[in-house]
Amino acid sequence: MDGRLSKYTTRLFSPPSFLEGMARVLDLGGTFDQYNVSASGEEADRQALESDWNAIGADMYDAIARFQAAHPELRPDAPEA
């Protein structure tokens, strides 16, 4: 997973550090689990949906940029042949 997507996928929980990840191997009771808190369930849902749509928009922007790089002749500002 690239760094750009992690800001969209970790909105509801805190990603562990390397040492916390190592400690979780031995944490059979789940005492290291941490979640980001929202004011209500509706607020958590709104944030998750916003994050999902932001990820979709970022993917679409990336796809358009890659297409334009592969086909510069189709860009609207390309010189006429």
N, C-alpha and C. Protein backbone atom coordinates (compact mmCIF):
# COMPACT_ATOMS: atom_id res chain seq x y z
N MET A 1 0.85 -1.17 0.00
CA MET A 1 0.00 0.00 0.00
C MET A 1 0.90 1.24 0.00
N ASP A 2 0.61 2.18 -0.88
CA ASP A 2 1.42 3.39 -0.89
C ASP A 2 1.00 4.34 0.22
N GLY A 3 1.86 5.30 0.52
CA GLY A 3 1.61 6.22 1.63
C GLY A 3 0.38 7.07 1.46
N ARG A 4 0.02 7.37 0.20
CA ARG A 4 -1.13 8.23 -0.04
C ARG A 4 -2.42 7.58 0.45
N LEU A 5 -2.56 6.29 0.25
CA LEU A 5 -3.81 5.63 0.62
C LEU A 5 -3.95 5.43 2.11
N SER A 6 -2.85 5.38 2.84
CA SER A 6 -2.95 5.11 4.27
C SER A 6 -3.75 6.19 4.99
N LYS A 7 -3.72 7.43 4.52
CA LYS A 7 -4.51 8.46 5.20
C LYS A 7 -6.00 8.24 5.01
N TYR A 8 -6.40 7.49 3.98
CA TYR A 8 -7.81 7.19 3.76
C TYR A 8 -8.24 5.94 4.51
N THR A 9 -7.33 5.01 4.71
CA THR A 9 -7.71 3.71 5.26
C THR A 9 -7.53 3.61 6.77
N THR A 10 -6.93 4.60 7.40
CA THR A 10 -6.68 4.51 8.84
C THR A 10 -7.45 5.57 9.62
N ARG A 11 -8.57 6.02 9.08
CA ARG A 11 -9.33 7.07 9.76
C ARG A 11 -9.96 6.58 11.06
N LEU A 12 -10.41 5.33 11.12
CA LEU A 12 -11.12 4.84 12.29
C LEU A 12 -10.25 4.11 13.30
N PHE A 13 -9.00 3.85 12.96
CA PHE A 13 -8.11 3.21 13.91
C PHE A 13 -6.72 3.80 13.79
N SER A 14 -5.94 3.67 14.85
CA SER A 14 -4.58 4.18 14.86
C SER A 14 -3.63 3.06 14.46
N PRO A 15 -2.86 3.25 13.39
CA PRO A 15 -1.92 2.20 13.00
C PRO A 15 -0.81 2.07 14.05
N PRO A 16 -0.43 0.86 14.39
CA PRO A 16 0.59 0.67 15.42
C PRO A 16 1.99 0.98 14.88
N SER A 17 2.87 1.35 15.78
CA SER A 17 4.28 1.50 15.41
C SER A 17 4.88 0.11 15.25
N PHE A 18 6.12 0.04 14.83
CA PHE A 18 6.78 -1.25 14.66
C PHE A 18 6.84 -2.01 15.98
N LEU A 19 7.23 -1.32 17.05
CA LEU A 19 7.33 -1.99 18.35
C LEU A 19 5.96 -2.43 18.86
N GLU A 20 4.94 -1.61 18.65
CA GLU A 20 3.58 -2.01 19.04
C GLU A 20 3.13 -3.23 18.24
N GLY A 21 3.50 -3.27 16.98
CA GLY A 21 3.17 -4.42 16.15
C GLY A 21 3.83 -5.68 16.66
N MET A 22 5.08 -5.56 17.08
CA MET A 22 5.78 -6.72 17.64
C MET A 22 5.12 -7.15 18.94
N ALA A 23 4.72 -6.20 19.77
CA ALA A 23 4.09 -6.54 21.05
C ALA A 23 2.73 -7.19 20.85
N ARG A 24 2.04 -6.84 19.75
CA ARG A 24 0.72 -7.41 19.49
C ARG A 24 0.78 -8.92 19.23
N VAL A 25 1.93 -9.41 18.82
CA VAL A 25 2.09 -10.84 18.61
C VAL A 25 1.82 -11.59 19.91
N LEU A 26 2.22 -11.00 21.02
CA LEU A 26 2.04 -11.63 22.33
C LEU A 26 0.79 -11.15 23.06
N ASP A 27 0.08 -10.20 22.49
CA ASP A 27 -1.09 -9.62 23.14
C ASP A 27 -2.35 -10.42 22.81
N LEU A 28 -2.54 -11.51 23.51
CA LEU A 28 -3.68 -12.38 23.23
C LEU A 28 -4.99 -11.80 23.73
N GLY A 29 -4.95 -10.88 24.69
CA GLY A 29 -6.17 -10.29 25.23
C GLY A 29 -6.65 -9.06 24.49
N GLY A 30 -5.90 -8.58 23.52
CA GLY A 30 -6.30 -7.40 22.75
C GLY A 30 -6.20 -6.10 23.52
N THR A 31 -5.28 -6.02 24.47
CA THR A 31 -5.17 -4.81 25.28
C THR A 31 -4.52 -3.65 24.53
N PHE A 32 -3.85 -3.91 23.41
CA PHE A 32 -3.19 -2.84 22.66
C PHE A 32 -4.09 -2.23 21.60
N ASP A 33 -5.29 -2.75 21.42
CA ASP A 33 -6.18 -2.22 20.39
C ASP A 33 -6.58 -0.78 20.73
N GLN A 34 -6.41 0.12 19.75
CA GLN A 34 -6.77 1.52 19.91
C GLN A 34 -7.60 1.94 18.70
N TYR A 35 -8.66 2.65 18.96
CA TYR A 35 -9.51 3.15 17.88
C TYR A 35 -9.69 4.65 18.04
N ASN A 36 -9.80 5.34 16.92
CA ASN A 36 -10.11 6.76 16.97
C ASN A 36 -11.57 6.92 17.36
N VAL A 37 -11.84 7.89 18.19
CA VAL A 37 -13.19 8.08 18.75
C VAL A 37 -13.93 9.15 17.96
N SER A 38 -15.20 8.90 17.68
CA SER A 38 -16.07 9.88 17.04
C SER A 38 -17.18 10.25 18.01
N ALA A 39 -17.79 11.40 17.79
CA ALA A 39 -18.86 11.88 18.67
C ALA A 39 -20.07 10.95 18.64
N SER A 40 -20.32 10.31 17.49
CA SER A 40 -21.47 9.41 17.37
C SER A 40 -21.20 8.40 16.26
N GLY A 41 -22.05 7.41 16.17
CA GLY A 41 -21.93 6.44 15.09
C GLY A 41 -22.13 7.08 13.73
N GLU A 42 -23.05 8.05 13.67
CA GLU A 42 -23.31 8.75 12.41
C GLU A 42 -22.08 9.55 11.97
N GLU A 43 -21.40 10.16 12.93
CA GLU A 43 -20.18 10.92 12.60
C GLU A 43 -19.08 9.98 12.10
N ALA A 44 -18.95 8.82 12.72
CA ALA A 44 -17.96 7.85 12.27
C ALA A 44 -18.29 7.38 10.85
N ASP A 45 -19.58 7.13 10.57
CA ASP A 45 -20.00 6.73 9.22
C ASP A 45 -19.72 7.84 8.21
N ARG A 46 -20.01 9.09 8.59
CA ARG A 46 -19.76 10.21 7.68
C ARG A 46 -18.28 10.32 7.35
N GLN A 47 -17.44 10.18 8.37
CA GLN A 47 -16.00 10.26 8.14
C GLN A 47 -15.51 9.11 7.27
N ALA A 48 -16.05 7.91 7.50
CA ALA A 48 -15.64 6.77 6.70
C ALA A 48 -16.07 6.94 5.24
N LEU A 49 -17.30 7.41 5.00
CA LEU A 49 -17.77 7.65 3.64
C LEU A 49 -16.95 8.75 2.96
N GLU A 50 -16.66 9.82 3.69
CA GLU A 50 -15.83 10.88 3.13
C GLU A 50 -14.46 10.35 2.74
N SER A 51 -13.89 9.53 3.59
CA SER A 51 -12.59 8.94 3.30
C SER A 51 -12.66 8.03 2.07
N ASP A 52 -13.73 7.24 1.96
CA ASP A 52 -13.89 6.37 0.79
C ASP A 52 -13.96 7.19 -0.49
N TRP A 53 -14.77 8.26 -0.50
CA TRP A 53 -14.90 9.08 -1.70
C TRP A 53 -13.61 9.82 -2.02
N ASN A 54 -12.87 10.24 -1.00
CA ASN A 54 -11.58 10.88 -1.24
C ASN A 54 -10.60 9.89 -1.88
N ALA A 55 -10.63 8.64 -1.44
CA ALA A 55 -9.76 7.61 -2.03
C ALA A 55 -10.15 7.36 -3.48
N ILE A 56 -11.46 7.31 -3.77
CA ILE A 56 -11.92 7.12 -5.14
C ILE A 56 -11.48 8.29 -6.02
N GLY A 57 -11.63 9.51 -5.52
CA GLY A 57 -11.20 10.69 -6.27
C GLY A 57 -9.70 10.67 -6.54
N ALA A 58 -8.92 10.28 -5.55
CA ALA A 58 -7.46 10.21 -5.74
C ALA A 58 -7.10 9.15 -6.78
N ASP A 59 -7.79 8.02 -6.77
CA ASP A 59 -7.54 6.97 -7.76
C ASP A 59 -7.92 7.45 -9.16
N MET A 60 -9.04 8.15 -9.27
CA MET A 60 -9.46 8.66 -10.58
C MET A 60 -8.47 9.70 -11.10
N TYR A 61 -8.01 10.58 -10.23
CA TYR A 61 -7.03 11.59 -10.63
C TYR A 61 -5.76 10.91 -11.13
N ASP A 62 -5.31 9.88 -10.41
CA ASP A 62 -4.11 9.14 -10.80
C ASP A 62 -4.30 8.45 -12.15
N ALA A 63 -5.47 7.83 -12.35
CA ALA A 63 -5.74 7.15 -13.62
C ALA A 63 -5.77 8.14 -14.78
N ILE A 64 -6.38 9.29 -14.58
CA ILE A 64 -6.43 10.30 -15.64
C ILE A 64 -5.02 10.81 -15.96
N ALA A 65 -4.23 11.06 -14.94
CA ALA A 65 -2.86 11.54 -15.16
C ALA A 65 -2.03 10.50 -15.90
N ARG A 66 -2.18 9.22 -15.56
CA ARG A 66 -1.44 8.17 -16.26
C ARG A 66 -1.89 8.06 -17.72
N PHE A 67 -3.19 8.15 -17.95
CA PHE A 67 -3.70 8.08 -19.32
C PHE A 67 -3.17 9.25 -20.14
N GLN A 68 -3.21 10.45 -19.57
CA GLN A 68 -2.72 11.62 -20.30
C GLN A 68 -1.22 11.53 -20.58
N ALA A 69 -0.47 10.94 -19.64
CA ALA A 69 0.97 10.77 -19.87
C ALA A 69 1.22 9.76 -20.99
N ALA A 70 0.40 8.72 -21.06
CA ALA A 70 0.57 7.70 -22.10
C ALA A 70 0.07 8.16 -23.46
N HIS A 71 -0.87 9.10 -23.48
CA HIS A 71 -1.47 9.58 -24.73
C HIS A 71 -1.47 11.11 -24.78
N PRO A 72 -0.29 11.73 -24.89
CA PRO A 72 -0.24 13.19 -24.89
C PRO A 72 -0.96 13.81 -26.08
N GLU A 73 -1.12 13.06 -27.17
CA GLU A 73 -1.80 13.59 -28.35
C GLU A 73 -3.29 13.80 -28.12
N LEU A 74 -3.85 13.20 -27.08
CA LEU A 74 -5.27 13.33 -26.80
C LEU A 74 -5.58 14.44 -25.79
N ARG A 75 -4.55 15.07 -25.26
CA ARG A 75 -4.77 16.15 -24.30
C ARG A 75 -5.45 17.32 -25.00
N PRO A 76 -6.37 18.00 -24.30
CA PRO A 76 -7.06 19.15 -24.92
C PRO A 76 -6.11 20.28 -25.34
N ASP A 77 -4.98 20.43 -24.66
CA ASP A 77 -4.04 21.50 -24.99
C ASP A 77 -2.94 21.05 -25.95
N ALA A 78 -3.07 19.84 -26.54
CA ALA A 78 -2.07 19.35 -27.49
C ALA A 78 -2.14 20.14 -28.79
N PRO A 79 -0.98 20.42 -29.39
CA PRO A 79 -0.99 21.16 -30.67
C PRO A 79 -1.63 20.30 -31.78
N GLU A 80 -2.31 20.97 -32.69
CA GLU A 80 -2.98 20.27 -33.79
C GLU A 80 -1.93 19.78 -34.77
N ALA A 81 -2.16 18.61 -35.34
CA ALA A 81 -1.19 18.03 -36.29
C ALA A 81 -1.46 18.48 -37.70
